[in-house]
N, C-alpha and C. Protein backbone atom coordinates (compact mmCIF):
# COMPACT_ATOMS: atom_id res chain seq x y z
N MET A 1 0.83 -1.17 0.00
CA MET A 1 0.00 0.00 0.00
C MET A 1 0.89 1.25 0.00
N LYS A 2 0.43 2.30 -0.68
CA LYS A 2 1.17 3.56 -0.74
C LYS A 2 0.32 4.68 -0.16
N GLN A 3 0.99 5.64 0.48
CA GLN A 3 0.31 6.82 0.99
C GLN A 3 0.32 7.91 -0.08
N ASN A 4 -0.70 8.74 -0.07
CA ASN A 4 -0.74 9.88 -0.96
C ASN A 4 -0.26 11.12 -0.21
N TRP A 5 0.86 11.70 -0.65
CA TRP A 5 1.42 12.91 -0.06
C TRP A 5 1.11 14.09 -0.97
N ARG A 6 1.21 15.29 -0.40
CA ARG A 6 1.01 16.48 -1.23
C ARG A 6 2.14 16.58 -2.25
N ALA A 7 1.93 17.32 -3.31
CA ALA A 7 2.96 17.49 -4.34
C ALA A 7 4.20 18.11 -3.73
N GLY A 8 5.35 17.58 -4.07
CA GLY A 8 6.61 18.08 -3.51
C GLY A 8 7.81 17.63 -4.31
N THR A 9 8.98 18.02 -3.86
CA THR A 9 10.23 17.72 -4.56
C THR A 9 10.78 16.38 -4.07
N MET A 10 10.34 15.31 -4.69
CA MET A 10 10.71 13.96 -4.24
C MET A 10 11.65 13.23 -5.20
N ILE A 11 12.15 13.92 -6.21
CA ILE A 11 13.13 13.26 -7.09
C ILE A 11 14.43 13.13 -6.31
N SER A 12 14.85 11.91 -6.06
CA SER A 12 16.05 11.67 -5.26
C SER A 12 16.77 10.43 -5.77
N PRO A 13 18.08 10.35 -5.58
CA PRO A 13 18.95 11.39 -5.05
C PRO A 13 19.25 12.43 -6.11
N VAL A 14 19.75 13.58 -5.67
CA VAL A 14 20.20 14.63 -6.56
C VAL A 14 21.64 14.96 -6.19
N PRO A 15 22.37 15.64 -7.08
CA PRO A 15 23.73 16.03 -6.71
C PRO A 15 23.71 17.07 -5.60
N ALA A 16 24.69 17.05 -4.76
CA ALA A 16 24.93 18.14 -3.81
C ALA A 16 26.21 18.80 -4.28
N VAL A 17 26.10 20.00 -4.84
CA VAL A 17 27.26 20.67 -5.41
C VAL A 17 27.49 22.00 -4.71
N MET A 18 28.73 22.47 -4.77
CA MET A 18 29.03 23.81 -4.30
C MET A 18 29.23 24.69 -5.53
N VAL A 19 28.42 25.72 -5.62
CA VAL A 19 28.52 26.65 -6.75
C VAL A 19 29.30 27.87 -6.29
N SER A 20 30.37 28.16 -6.99
CA SER A 20 31.17 29.35 -6.67
C SER A 20 30.86 30.44 -7.69
N CYS A 21 30.89 31.68 -7.20
CA CYS A 21 30.52 32.80 -8.05
C CYS A 21 31.28 34.04 -7.62
N GLY A 22 31.11 35.10 -8.38
CA GLY A 22 31.82 36.34 -8.09
C GLY A 22 33.07 36.43 -8.94
N ASP A 23 34.13 37.00 -8.37
CA ASP A 23 35.39 37.22 -9.08
C ASP A 23 36.53 36.77 -8.19
N ILE A 24 37.48 36.07 -8.74
CA ILE A 24 38.58 35.55 -7.92
C ILE A 24 39.38 36.67 -7.25
N ASP A 25 39.41 37.84 -7.88
CA ASP A 25 40.17 38.96 -7.32
C ASP A 25 39.31 39.92 -6.50
N GLY A 26 38.01 39.67 -6.41
CA GLY A 26 37.12 40.57 -5.69
C GLY A 26 36.17 39.81 -4.79
N GLN A 27 34.92 40.22 -4.80
CA GLN A 27 33.91 39.55 -3.97
C GLN A 27 33.59 38.19 -4.56
N LYS A 28 33.62 37.17 -3.71
CA LYS A 28 33.33 35.82 -4.18
C LYS A 28 32.54 35.09 -3.10
N ASN A 29 31.86 34.03 -3.51
CA ASN A 29 31.05 33.29 -2.55
C ASN A 29 30.87 31.85 -3.03
N ILE A 30 30.39 31.03 -2.11
CA ILE A 30 30.04 29.63 -2.39
C ILE A 30 28.63 29.41 -1.88
N ILE A 31 27.80 28.78 -2.70
CA ILE A 31 26.46 28.39 -2.28
C ILE A 31 26.27 26.91 -2.58
N THR A 32 25.72 26.18 -1.65
CA THR A 32 25.44 24.76 -1.88
C THR A 32 24.10 24.65 -2.58
N ILE A 33 24.07 23.86 -3.64
CA ILE A 33 22.88 23.72 -4.49
C ILE A 33 22.58 22.24 -4.67
N ALA A 34 21.31 21.89 -4.53
CA ALA A 34 20.87 20.54 -4.87
C ALA A 34 20.02 20.54 -6.14
N TRP A 35 19.42 21.69 -6.46
CA TRP A 35 18.58 21.77 -7.66
C TRP A 35 19.48 22.13 -8.84
N THR A 36 20.07 21.11 -9.44
CA THR A 36 21.00 21.29 -10.56
C THR A 36 20.98 20.05 -11.44
N GLY A 37 21.39 20.21 -12.67
CA GLY A 37 21.44 19.05 -13.55
C GLY A 37 21.82 19.41 -14.97
N THR A 38 22.00 18.39 -15.78
CA THR A 38 22.29 18.53 -17.21
C THR A 38 20.99 18.70 -17.96
N ILE A 39 20.96 19.59 -18.94
CA ILE A 39 19.74 19.75 -19.74
C ILE A 39 19.97 19.58 -21.24
N CYS A 40 21.23 19.54 -21.67
CA CYS A 40 21.50 19.39 -23.10
C CYS A 40 22.93 18.88 -23.29
N SER A 41 23.15 18.06 -24.32
CA SER A 41 24.49 17.53 -24.61
C SER A 41 25.25 18.39 -25.62
N GLU A 42 24.57 18.82 -26.68
CA GLU A 42 25.19 19.62 -27.74
C GLU A 42 24.35 20.84 -28.02
N PRO A 43 24.74 22.02 -27.56
CA PRO A 43 25.92 22.29 -26.75
C PRO A 43 25.71 21.81 -25.32
N ALA A 44 26.79 21.60 -24.61
CA ALA A 44 26.68 21.15 -23.23
C ALA A 44 26.04 22.27 -22.40
N MET A 45 24.90 21.96 -21.78
CA MET A 45 24.19 22.96 -20.98
C MET A 45 23.69 22.34 -19.69
N CYS A 46 23.57 23.19 -18.66
CA CYS A 46 23.12 22.73 -17.37
C CYS A 46 22.28 23.84 -16.73
N TYR A 47 21.82 23.58 -15.52
CA TYR A 47 21.05 24.61 -14.81
C TYR A 47 21.37 24.53 -13.32
N ILE A 48 21.13 25.65 -12.65
CA ILE A 48 21.05 25.69 -11.20
C ILE A 48 19.83 26.53 -10.86
N SER A 49 19.17 26.21 -9.77
CA SER A 49 18.04 27.01 -9.30
C SER A 49 18.41 27.62 -7.96
N VAL A 50 18.20 28.94 -7.85
CA VAL A 50 18.64 29.70 -6.68
C VAL A 50 17.51 30.60 -6.19
N ARG A 51 17.33 30.68 -4.88
CA ARG A 51 16.36 31.62 -4.30
C ARG A 51 16.88 33.04 -4.45
N LYS A 52 15.97 33.97 -4.75
CA LYS A 52 16.37 35.37 -4.96
C LYS A 52 17.03 35.99 -3.74
N GLU A 53 16.66 35.54 -2.55
CA GLU A 53 17.19 36.16 -1.34
C GLU A 53 18.60 35.67 -0.98
N ARG A 54 19.13 34.70 -1.68
CA ARG A 54 20.46 34.20 -1.39
C ARG A 54 21.53 35.22 -1.81
N HIS A 55 22.61 35.27 -1.04
CA HIS A 55 23.69 36.21 -1.29
C HIS A 55 24.30 36.01 -2.68
N SER A 56 24.37 34.78 -3.14
CA SER A 56 24.98 34.48 -4.44
C SER A 56 24.10 34.88 -5.61
N TYR A 57 22.81 35.04 -5.37
CA TYR A 57 21.88 35.29 -6.48
C TYR A 57 22.29 36.50 -7.31
N ASP A 58 22.51 37.63 -6.65
CA ASP A 58 22.85 38.86 -7.38
C ASP A 58 24.21 38.75 -8.06
N MET A 59 25.16 38.05 -7.42
CA MET A 59 26.48 37.88 -8.05
C MET A 59 26.34 37.13 -9.37
N ILE A 60 25.56 36.06 -9.36
CA ILE A 60 25.38 35.26 -10.57
C ILE A 60 24.59 36.05 -11.61
N ARG A 61 23.56 36.74 -11.16
CA ARG A 61 22.71 37.51 -12.08
C ARG A 61 23.53 38.61 -12.77
N LYS A 62 24.38 39.31 -12.00
CA LYS A 62 25.16 40.42 -12.57
C LYS A 62 26.32 39.94 -13.43
N SER A 63 27.04 38.92 -12.97
CA SER A 63 28.22 38.46 -13.71
C SER A 63 27.86 37.56 -14.88
N GLY A 64 26.74 36.83 -14.75
CA GLY A 64 26.36 35.88 -15.79
C GLY A 64 27.26 34.66 -15.83
N GLU A 65 27.94 34.39 -14.71
CA GLU A 65 28.87 33.26 -14.67
C GLU A 65 28.80 32.56 -13.31
N PHE A 66 29.13 31.28 -13.31
CA PHE A 66 29.29 30.52 -12.07
C PHE A 66 30.06 29.24 -12.37
N VAL A 67 30.51 28.59 -11.32
CA VAL A 67 31.22 27.31 -11.46
C VAL A 67 30.52 26.28 -10.58
N ILE A 68 30.16 25.15 -11.17
CA ILE A 68 29.62 24.03 -10.40
C ILE A 68 30.80 23.16 -9.99
N ASN A 69 31.01 23.02 -8.68
CA ASN A 69 32.10 22.23 -8.13
C ASN A 69 31.52 20.95 -7.55
N LEU A 70 31.86 19.81 -8.13
CA LEU A 70 31.33 18.55 -7.61
C LEU A 70 31.92 18.30 -6.22
N THR A 71 31.11 17.70 -5.37
CA THR A 71 31.52 17.51 -3.98
C THR A 71 31.79 16.04 -3.69
N THR A 72 32.55 15.82 -2.62
CA THR A 72 33.02 14.47 -2.29
C THR A 72 32.82 14.20 -0.81
N ARG A 73 33.10 12.98 -0.43
CA ARG A 73 33.06 12.61 0.99
C ARG A 73 33.94 13.56 1.81
N ALA A 74 35.13 13.87 1.29
CA ALA A 74 36.05 14.75 2.00
C ALA A 74 35.53 16.19 2.12
N LEU A 75 34.65 16.58 1.22
CA LEU A 75 34.09 17.93 1.23
C LEU A 75 32.69 18.00 1.84
N ALA A 76 32.24 16.92 2.47
CA ALA A 76 30.87 16.86 2.98
C ALA A 76 30.57 17.95 4.01
N ARG A 77 31.47 18.16 4.95
CA ARG A 77 31.23 19.17 5.99
C ARG A 77 31.18 20.57 5.38
N ALA A 78 32.11 20.88 4.48
CA ALA A 78 32.10 22.19 3.82
C ALA A 78 30.85 22.36 2.98
N THR A 79 30.42 21.28 2.32
CA THR A 79 29.21 21.35 1.49
C THR A 79 28.00 21.72 2.33
N ASP A 80 27.84 21.07 3.46
CA ASP A 80 26.70 21.39 4.33
C ASP A 80 26.83 22.80 4.89
N TRP A 81 28.01 23.14 5.39
CA TRP A 81 28.20 24.44 6.04
C TRP A 81 27.92 25.59 5.08
N CYS A 82 28.39 25.46 3.84
CA CYS A 82 28.17 26.51 2.83
C CYS A 82 26.70 26.61 2.43
N GLY A 83 25.92 25.60 2.77
CA GLY A 83 24.49 25.64 2.47
C GLY A 83 23.64 26.24 3.57
N VAL A 84 24.19 26.35 4.77
CA VAL A 84 23.39 26.86 5.90
C VAL A 84 23.91 28.18 6.45
N ARG A 85 25.03 28.67 5.95
CA ARG A 85 25.58 29.95 6.37
C ARG A 85 25.59 30.90 5.17
N SER A 86 25.46 32.19 5.45
CA SER A 86 25.38 33.18 4.37
C SER A 86 26.74 33.82 4.12
N GLY A 87 27.01 34.06 2.85
CA GLY A 87 28.21 34.78 2.47
C GLY A 87 28.17 36.24 2.86
N ARG A 88 27.01 36.72 3.29
CA ARG A 88 26.94 38.08 3.83
C ARG A 88 27.69 38.17 5.15
N ASP A 89 27.76 37.04 5.86
CA ASP A 89 28.33 37.02 7.21
C ASP A 89 29.70 36.36 7.29
N PHE A 90 30.05 35.56 6.31
CA PHE A 90 31.30 34.78 6.36
C PHE A 90 31.98 34.79 4.99
N ASP A 91 33.31 34.74 5.03
CA ASP A 91 34.08 34.40 3.84
C ASP A 91 34.14 32.88 3.84
N LYS A 92 33.32 32.25 3.03
CA LYS A 92 33.20 30.80 3.07
C LYS A 92 34.47 30.08 2.65
N PHE A 93 35.19 30.65 1.69
CA PHE A 93 36.47 30.04 1.29
C PHE A 93 37.40 29.98 2.50
N GLU A 94 37.54 31.10 3.17
CA GLU A 94 38.45 31.16 4.32
C GLU A 94 37.97 30.29 5.46
N TYR A 95 36.71 30.38 5.81
CA TYR A 95 36.18 29.65 6.96
C TYR A 95 36.31 28.13 6.78
N CYS A 96 36.06 27.66 5.56
CA CYS A 96 36.09 26.22 5.30
C CYS A 96 37.48 25.73 4.86
N GLY A 97 38.45 26.63 4.78
CA GLY A 97 39.79 26.22 4.36
C GLY A 97 39.84 25.80 2.91
N LEU A 98 39.02 26.44 2.06
CA LEU A 98 38.98 26.11 0.64
C LEU A 98 39.79 27.14 -0.15
N THR A 99 40.29 26.70 -1.29
CA THR A 99 41.16 27.54 -2.13
C THR A 99 40.40 28.00 -3.37
N ALA A 100 40.37 29.32 -3.58
CA ALA A 100 39.78 29.86 -4.81
C ALA A 100 40.80 29.70 -5.93
N GLU A 101 40.39 28.98 -6.96
CA GLU A 101 41.28 28.68 -8.08
C GLU A 101 40.81 29.41 -9.34
N ARG A 102 41.76 29.99 -10.07
CA ARG A 102 41.43 30.72 -11.29
C ARG A 102 40.94 29.73 -12.37
N CYS A 103 39.87 30.13 -13.06
CA CYS A 103 39.33 29.30 -14.14
C CYS A 103 39.93 29.73 -15.48
N ASN A 104 39.71 28.93 -16.50
CA ASN A 104 40.22 29.22 -17.83
C ASN A 104 39.25 30.02 -18.68
N ASN A 105 37.93 29.93 -18.39
CA ASN A 105 36.94 30.50 -19.29
C ASN A 105 35.95 31.45 -18.63
N VAL A 106 35.95 31.55 -17.32
CA VAL A 106 35.06 32.47 -16.60
C VAL A 106 35.86 33.19 -15.52
N SER A 107 35.34 34.33 -15.08
CA SER A 107 36.03 35.08 -14.02
C SER A 107 35.67 34.56 -12.64
N ALA A 108 34.59 33.79 -12.51
CA ALA A 108 34.24 33.20 -11.23
C ALA A 108 35.32 32.21 -10.81
N PRO A 109 35.58 32.10 -9.50
CA PRO A 109 36.60 31.15 -9.05
C PRO A 109 36.06 29.73 -8.99
N ALA A 110 36.95 28.77 -9.13
CA ALA A 110 36.62 27.36 -8.87
C ALA A 110 37.10 27.04 -7.46
N ILE A 111 36.64 25.92 -6.92
CA ILE A 111 37.13 25.42 -5.64
C ILE A 111 38.20 24.38 -5.95
N ALA A 112 39.44 24.69 -5.59
CA ALA A 112 40.57 23.82 -5.96
C ALA A 112 40.43 22.42 -5.38
N GLU A 113 39.83 22.30 -4.21
CA GLU A 113 39.69 21.00 -3.54
C GLU A 113 38.64 20.10 -4.19
N SER A 114 37.80 20.67 -5.05
CA SER A 114 36.81 19.87 -5.77
C SER A 114 37.50 19.17 -6.93
N PRO A 115 37.22 17.88 -7.16
CA PRO A 115 37.90 17.16 -8.23
C PRO A 115 37.43 17.53 -9.64
N ILE A 116 36.22 18.09 -9.74
CA ILE A 116 35.69 18.49 -11.05
C ILE A 116 35.01 19.85 -10.91
N ASN A 117 35.44 20.79 -11.75
CA ASN A 117 34.89 22.14 -11.76
C ASN A 117 34.30 22.39 -13.14
N ILE A 118 33.02 22.77 -13.17
CA ILE A 118 32.30 22.97 -14.43
C ILE A 118 32.03 24.46 -14.60
N GLU A 119 32.72 25.07 -15.56
CA GLU A 119 32.63 26.51 -15.79
C GLU A 119 31.40 26.82 -16.65
N CYS A 120 30.57 27.76 -16.18
CA CYS A 120 29.28 28.01 -16.82
C CYS A 120 29.04 29.48 -17.10
N LYS A 121 28.40 29.75 -18.26
CA LYS A 121 27.96 31.10 -18.61
C LYS A 121 26.45 31.08 -18.78
N VAL A 122 25.78 31.99 -18.08
CA VAL A 122 24.32 32.04 -18.07
C VAL A 122 23.80 32.46 -19.44
N LYS A 123 22.80 31.73 -19.92
CA LYS A 123 22.15 32.05 -21.19
C LYS A 123 20.74 32.60 -20.99
N GLN A 124 20.04 32.07 -19.99
CA GLN A 124 18.67 32.52 -19.70
C GLN A 124 18.39 32.37 -18.22
N VAL A 125 17.46 33.18 -17.71
CA VAL A 125 17.01 33.06 -16.33
C VAL A 125 15.49 32.96 -16.36
N PHE A 126 14.96 31.94 -15.72
CA PHE A 126 13.51 31.75 -15.64
C PHE A 126 13.06 31.95 -14.20
N GLU A 127 12.11 32.87 -14.01
CA GLU A 127 11.52 33.08 -12.69
C GLU A 127 10.41 32.07 -12.51
N LEU A 128 10.57 31.16 -11.56
CA LEU A 128 9.66 30.02 -11.46
C LEU A 128 8.81 30.00 -10.20
N GLY A 129 9.16 30.72 -9.17
CA GLY A 129 8.45 30.65 -7.89
C GLY A 129 9.44 30.87 -6.78
N SER A 130 9.62 29.85 -5.94
CA SER A 130 10.58 29.97 -4.84
C SER A 130 12.01 30.14 -5.34
N HIS A 131 12.32 29.63 -6.53
CA HIS A 131 13.66 29.69 -7.11
C HIS A 131 13.60 30.26 -8.52
N ASP A 132 14.69 30.90 -8.92
CA ASP A 132 14.89 31.24 -10.33
C ASP A 132 15.87 30.23 -10.91
N MET A 133 15.61 29.80 -12.14
CA MET A 133 16.47 28.83 -12.79
C MET A 133 17.42 29.54 -13.74
N PHE A 134 18.72 29.30 -13.53
CA PHE A 134 19.76 29.84 -14.40
C PHE A 134 20.15 28.75 -15.40
N ILE A 135 19.80 28.96 -16.66
CA ILE A 135 20.19 28.04 -17.72
C ILE A 135 21.55 28.50 -18.22
N ALA A 136 22.51 27.60 -18.26
CA ALA A 136 23.87 28.00 -18.61
C ALA A 136 24.52 27.05 -19.59
N GLU A 137 25.42 27.60 -20.40
CA GLU A 137 26.25 26.78 -21.28
C GLU A 137 27.54 26.44 -20.54
N VAL A 138 27.93 25.18 -20.63
CA VAL A 138 29.21 24.76 -20.06
C VAL A 138 30.31 25.20 -21.03
N VAL A 139 31.22 26.05 -20.54
CA VAL A 139 32.27 26.59 -21.41
C VAL A 139 33.65 26.01 -21.09
N GLY A 140 33.72 25.18 -20.06
CA GLY A 140 34.98 24.54 -19.72
C GLY A 140 34.81 23.60 -18.54
N VAL A 141 35.66 22.60 -18.46
CA VAL A 141 35.64 21.65 -17.35
C VAL A 141 37.08 21.40 -16.93
N MET A 142 37.32 21.49 -15.63
CA MET A 142 38.65 21.15 -15.09
C MET A 142 38.50 19.87 -14.27
N ILE A 143 39.38 18.89 -14.54
CA ILE A 143 39.30 17.58 -13.89
C ILE A 143 40.64 17.26 -13.24
N ASP A 144 40.59 16.86 -11.98
CA ASP A 144 41.79 16.46 -11.24
C ASP A 144 42.36 15.19 -11.89
N ASP A 145 43.65 15.21 -12.20
CA ASP A 145 44.23 14.06 -12.90
C ASP A 145 44.27 12.79 -12.06
N THR A 146 44.03 12.88 -10.75
CA THR A 146 43.97 11.66 -9.93
C THR A 146 42.74 10.83 -10.25
N LEU A 147 41.77 11.41 -10.97
CA LEU A 147 40.56 10.67 -11.34
C LEU A 147 40.72 9.95 -12.69
N LEU A 148 41.87 10.12 -13.33
CA LEU A 148 42.09 9.50 -14.64
C LEU A 148 42.90 8.23 -14.51
N ASP A 149 42.46 7.19 -15.20
CA ASP A 149 43.20 5.94 -15.22
C ASP A 149 44.54 6.16 -15.92
N ALA A 150 45.62 5.73 -15.28
CA ALA A 150 46.97 5.98 -15.80
C ALA A 150 47.20 5.36 -17.18
N GLU A 151 46.60 4.20 -17.44
CA GLU A 151 46.84 3.52 -18.72
C GLU A 151 45.92 4.01 -19.82
N SER A 152 44.62 4.07 -19.53
CA SER A 152 43.66 4.40 -20.57
C SER A 152 43.32 5.89 -20.64
N GLY A 153 43.56 6.62 -19.55
CA GLY A 153 43.17 8.04 -19.51
C GLY A 153 41.69 8.22 -19.25
N LYS A 154 40.98 7.12 -19.02
CA LYS A 154 39.53 7.17 -18.81
C LYS A 154 39.22 7.76 -17.43
N LEU A 155 38.15 8.55 -17.39
CA LEU A 155 37.70 9.14 -16.14
C LEU A 155 37.09 8.08 -15.24
N ASP A 156 37.55 8.01 -13.99
CA ASP A 156 37.04 7.04 -13.02
C ASP A 156 36.46 7.81 -11.83
N LEU A 157 35.18 8.12 -11.90
CA LEU A 157 34.53 8.92 -10.87
C LEU A 157 34.38 8.18 -9.55
N SER A 158 34.54 6.86 -9.55
CA SER A 158 34.43 6.12 -8.30
C SER A 158 35.54 6.53 -7.32
N ARG A 159 36.64 7.02 -7.84
CA ARG A 159 37.75 7.46 -7.00
C ARG A 159 37.39 8.73 -6.20
N ALA A 160 36.42 9.50 -6.68
CA ALA A 160 36.09 10.78 -6.06
C ALA A 160 35.18 10.65 -4.84
N GLU A 161 34.44 9.55 -4.74
CA GLU A 161 33.44 9.38 -3.68
C GLU A 161 32.49 10.59 -3.65
N LEU A 162 31.83 10.82 -4.78
CA LEU A 162 30.94 11.96 -4.93
C LEU A 162 29.76 11.90 -3.97
N LEU A 163 29.22 13.07 -3.64
CA LEU A 163 28.08 13.16 -2.73
C LEU A 163 26.76 13.19 -3.50
N GLY A 164 25.75 12.60 -2.90
CA GLY A 164 24.38 12.72 -3.35
C GLY A 164 23.55 13.26 -2.20
N TYR A 165 22.39 13.79 -2.50
CA TYR A 165 21.52 14.39 -1.48
C TYR A 165 20.12 13.83 -1.67
N ALA A 166 19.53 13.35 -0.60
CA ALA A 166 18.18 12.77 -0.69
C ALA A 166 17.39 13.10 0.56
N HIS A 167 16.34 13.86 0.38
CA HIS A 167 15.38 14.16 1.44
C HIS A 167 16.07 14.66 2.72
N GLY A 168 16.98 15.65 2.54
CA GLY A 168 17.63 16.28 3.67
C GLY A 168 18.86 15.57 4.20
N GLU A 169 19.34 14.54 3.50
CA GLU A 169 20.49 13.78 3.98
C GLU A 169 21.52 13.61 2.87
N TYR A 170 22.80 13.61 3.27
CA TYR A 170 23.91 13.44 2.33
C TYR A 170 24.35 11.98 2.29
N TYR A 171 24.73 11.53 1.10
CA TYR A 171 25.22 10.16 0.93
C TYR A 171 26.46 10.18 0.04
N ALA A 172 27.43 9.34 0.35
CA ALA A 172 28.57 9.13 -0.54
C ALA A 172 28.16 8.05 -1.53
N LEU A 173 28.34 8.32 -2.81
CA LEU A 173 27.97 7.34 -3.82
C LEU A 173 28.89 6.14 -3.71
N GLY A 174 28.32 4.96 -3.89
CA GLY A 174 29.09 3.75 -3.62
C GLY A 174 29.24 2.80 -4.77
N GLU A 175 28.77 1.60 -4.58
CA GLU A 175 28.99 0.46 -5.47
C GLU A 175 28.46 0.70 -6.88
N LYS A 176 29.29 0.40 -7.87
CA LYS A 176 28.86 0.46 -9.26
C LYS A 176 28.03 -0.79 -9.55
N LEU A 177 26.86 -0.59 -10.16
CA LEU A 177 25.97 -1.72 -10.46
C LEU A 177 26.02 -2.15 -11.92
N GLY A 178 26.50 -1.29 -12.78
CA GLY A 178 26.56 -1.61 -14.19
C GLY A 178 27.05 -0.42 -14.97
N THR A 179 27.13 -0.56 -16.28
CA THR A 179 27.51 0.53 -17.16
C THR A 179 26.40 0.73 -18.18
N PHE A 180 26.44 1.86 -18.88
CA PHE A 180 25.40 2.14 -19.87
C PHE A 180 25.27 0.99 -20.86
N GLY A 181 24.07 0.46 -20.98
CA GLY A 181 23.79 -0.63 -21.92
C GLY A 181 24.10 -2.02 -21.41
N TRP A 182 24.50 -2.15 -20.15
CA TRP A 182 24.90 -3.47 -19.64
C TRP A 182 23.75 -4.46 -19.64
N THR A 183 22.51 -3.99 -19.59
CA THR A 183 21.36 -4.91 -19.52
C THR A 183 21.10 -5.62 -20.85
N VAL A 184 21.64 -5.11 -21.93
CA VAL A 184 21.40 -5.75 -23.23
C VAL A 184 22.64 -6.43 -23.79
N LYS A 185 23.71 -6.43 -23.01
CA LYS A 185 24.94 -7.09 -23.46
C LYS A 185 24.98 -8.51 -22.90
N GLY A 186 25.09 -9.50 -23.77
CA GLY A 186 25.24 -10.90 -23.35
C GLY A 186 24.01 -11.48 -22.68
N SER A 187 22.82 -11.02 -23.07
CA SER A 187 21.56 -11.56 -22.52
C SER A 187 21.56 -11.59 -21.00
N THR A 188 21.98 -10.54 -20.38
CA THR A 188 22.08 -10.46 -18.92
C THR A 188 20.76 -10.72 -18.23
N ILE A 189 19.67 -10.15 -18.75
CA ILE A 189 18.37 -10.28 -18.10
C ILE A 189 17.91 -11.73 -18.10
N LYS A 190 18.07 -12.43 -19.23
CA LYS A 190 17.69 -13.84 -19.29
C LYS A 190 18.51 -14.67 -18.30
N LYS A 191 19.80 -14.37 -18.23
CA LYS A 191 20.68 -15.09 -17.31
C LYS A 191 20.23 -14.87 -15.87
N GLU A 192 19.90 -13.62 -15.51
CA GLU A 192 19.44 -13.32 -14.14
C GLU A 192 18.15 -14.06 -13.83
N LYS A 193 17.24 -14.14 -14.80
CA LYS A 193 15.97 -14.86 -14.58
C LYS A 193 16.22 -16.33 -14.32
N ARG A 194 17.17 -16.91 -15.09
CA ARG A 194 17.48 -18.32 -14.89
C ARG A 194 18.06 -18.57 -13.52
N GLU A 195 18.93 -17.65 -13.07
CA GLU A 195 19.58 -17.83 -11.77
C GLU A 195 18.58 -17.70 -10.62
N LYS A 196 17.51 -16.97 -10.80
CA LYS A 196 16.51 -16.79 -9.73
C LYS A 196 15.62 -18.02 -9.57
N ARG A 197 15.53 -18.86 -10.60
CA ARG A 197 14.66 -20.04 -10.55
C ARG A 197 15.17 -21.09 -9.59
């Protein structure tokens, strides 16, 4: 049996990312965002949704730039702290011991301790209600070379222990269950059915 709940944001898990904004040489801030995702492959585009009252909102709106910094088990405390404290009251980089790193394609700083930094330029802003959605083009990506396989050069995100967020709780992503298309390679589903008998 299932209960009927009121309409709400129940898509889970979602990424827990730290979005950095501002200027590396001037005012800068970090905001933790869970409402984010990919919206297009060609060109590469993504979105973040931000409440208008957040300190970062005006920085992003005025500059038209931000960086999505993927978070990890090691960054879990900083990720939470940057989501519950305001940049009006704290220098979040300094307080959390994070390093503002210069980007290649935007003036907003990246977080050096994040293994993947996604540089974004705002293309459109949609006023939706509690949040405004910033639609952005990805103009560059910086990846820590420790995530690359030494022989193949392939990206291995399992090394990062990325964070997920679900219903108010943080989780480190864990066991790999398969790869894209694994269910149709080698009649896997038929084999699993036979093994269950």
